[in-house]
């Protein structure tokens, strides 16, 4: 079973990984408690709902999430882009 039905509702998928702790420390920064962020872009809330209701999400993606994600620590935010500078 694939995830094409999930992906068909997503315009863009981005993984943002935190820089290594040593690199952050050398720049005078500290690491976050989170090691990454995922961005999912959809054309509408309806498309996003369809993606998460899909068999590909429920039967493949969601089952795999427990291998790399602590559901009790997940923060979900639905946003709208406001371009401040191009």
Protein backbone atom coordinates (compact mmCIF):
# COMPACT_ATOMS: atom_id res chain seq x y z
CA UNK A 1 0.00 0.00 0.00
CA UNK A 2 1.38 3.39 -0.95
CA UNK A 3 0.77 6.95 0.08
CA UNK A 4 -0.14 8.45 -3.30
CA UNK A 5 -3.64 9.26 -2.05
CA UNK A 6 -2.09 11.29 0.79
CA UNK A 7 0.49 13.03 -1.39
CA UNK A 8 -2.10 13.93 -4.03
CA UNK A 9 -3.60 16.44 -1.55
CA UNK A 10 -0.27 17.98 -0.51
CA UNK A 11 1.31 20.79 -2.54
CA UNK A 12 4.66 20.85 -0.73
CA UNK A 13 6.38 18.74 1.94
CA UNK A 14 9.45 20.09 3.74
CA UNK A 15 11.55 18.60 6.56
CA UNK A 16 13.58 21.12 8.56
CA UNK A 17 16.27 19.45 10.69
CA UNK A 18 17.97 21.22 13.59
CA UNK A 19 21.65 21.90 13.12
CA UNK A 20 24.06 19.72 15.14
CA UNK A 21 24.57 20.87 18.74
CA UNK A 22 28.31 21.54 18.21
CA UNK A 23 27.57 23.85 15.30
CA UNK A 24 24.92 25.68 17.31
CA UNK A 25 27.25 26.02 20.32
CA UNK A 26 30.07 27.41 18.17
CA UNK A 27 27.62 30.09 17.00
CA UNK A 28 26.62 30.90 20.59
CA UNK A 29 23.23 29.20 20.25
CA UNK A 30 21.53 26.42 22.17
CA UNK A 31 19.66 23.46 20.77
CA UNK A 32 15.89 23.29 20.90
CA UNK A 33 14.10 20.45 22.66
CA UNK A 34 12.81 19.51 19.20
CA UNK A 35 15.08 18.14 16.50
CA UNK A 36 12.99 19.14 13.54
CA UNK A 37 9.90 20.62 11.97
CA UNK A 38 7.74 19.35 9.14
CA UNK A 39 5.91 21.70 6.81
CA UNK A 40 2.97 20.41 4.81
CA UNK A 41 1.50 22.81 2.29
CA UNK A 42 -2.01 22.32 0.91
CA UNK A 43 -4.23 24.47 -1.29
CA UNK A 44 -7.05 24.51 1.28
CA UNK A 45 -8.12 23.16 4.65
CA UNK A 46 -10.33 20.73 2.76
CA UNK A 47 -7.32 19.30 0.91
CA UNK A 48 -5.46 18.97 4.21
CA UNK A 49 -8.43 17.16 5.76
CA UNK A 50 -8.59 14.81 2.75
CA UNK A 51 -4.88 14.06 3.07
CA UNK A 52 -5.17 13.07 6.74
CA UNK A 53 -8.36 11.08 6.08
CA UNK A 54 -6.68 9.07 3.32
CA UNK A 55 -5.88 5.37 3.64
CA UNK A 56 -2.25 6.16 2.85
CA UNK A 57 -2.00 8.38 5.93
CA UNK A 58 -4.00 6.17 8.27
CA UNK A 59 -2.50 2.83 7.23
CA UNK A 60 1.09 3.74 6.30
CA UNK A 61 2.29 7.18 7.41
CA UNK A 62 0.58 7.37 10.80
CA UNK A 63 1.79 3.88 11.75
CA UNK A 64 5.36 4.83 10.85
CA UNK A 65 5.27 8.13 12.76
CA UNK A 66 5.74 6.32 16.07
CA UNK A 67 9.22 5.26 14.88
CA UNK A 68 10.49 8.85 14.83
CA UNK A 69 7.92 11.04 16.53
CA UNK A 70 6.57 11.26 20.07
CA UNK A 71 2.86 12.01 19.55
CA UNK A 72 2.60 13.45 23.06
CA UNK A 73 5.07 16.20 22.07
CA UNK A 74 3.67 17.07 18.63
CA UNK A 75 2.59 20.64 18.07
CA UNK A 76 0.35 21.30 15.10
CA UNK A 77 -0.23 24.77 13.73
CA UNK A 78 -2.24 25.61 10.63
CA UNK A 79 -1.01 28.88 9.22
CA UNK A 80 -1.33 31.29 6.37
CA UNK A 81 1.75 32.86 4.76
CA UNK A 82 2.13 36.61 5.05
CA UNK A 83 5.13 37.69 2.99
CA UNK A 84 7.03 40.46 4.72
CA UNK A 85 10.00 40.56 2.34
CA UNK A 86 10.80 38.84 -0.94
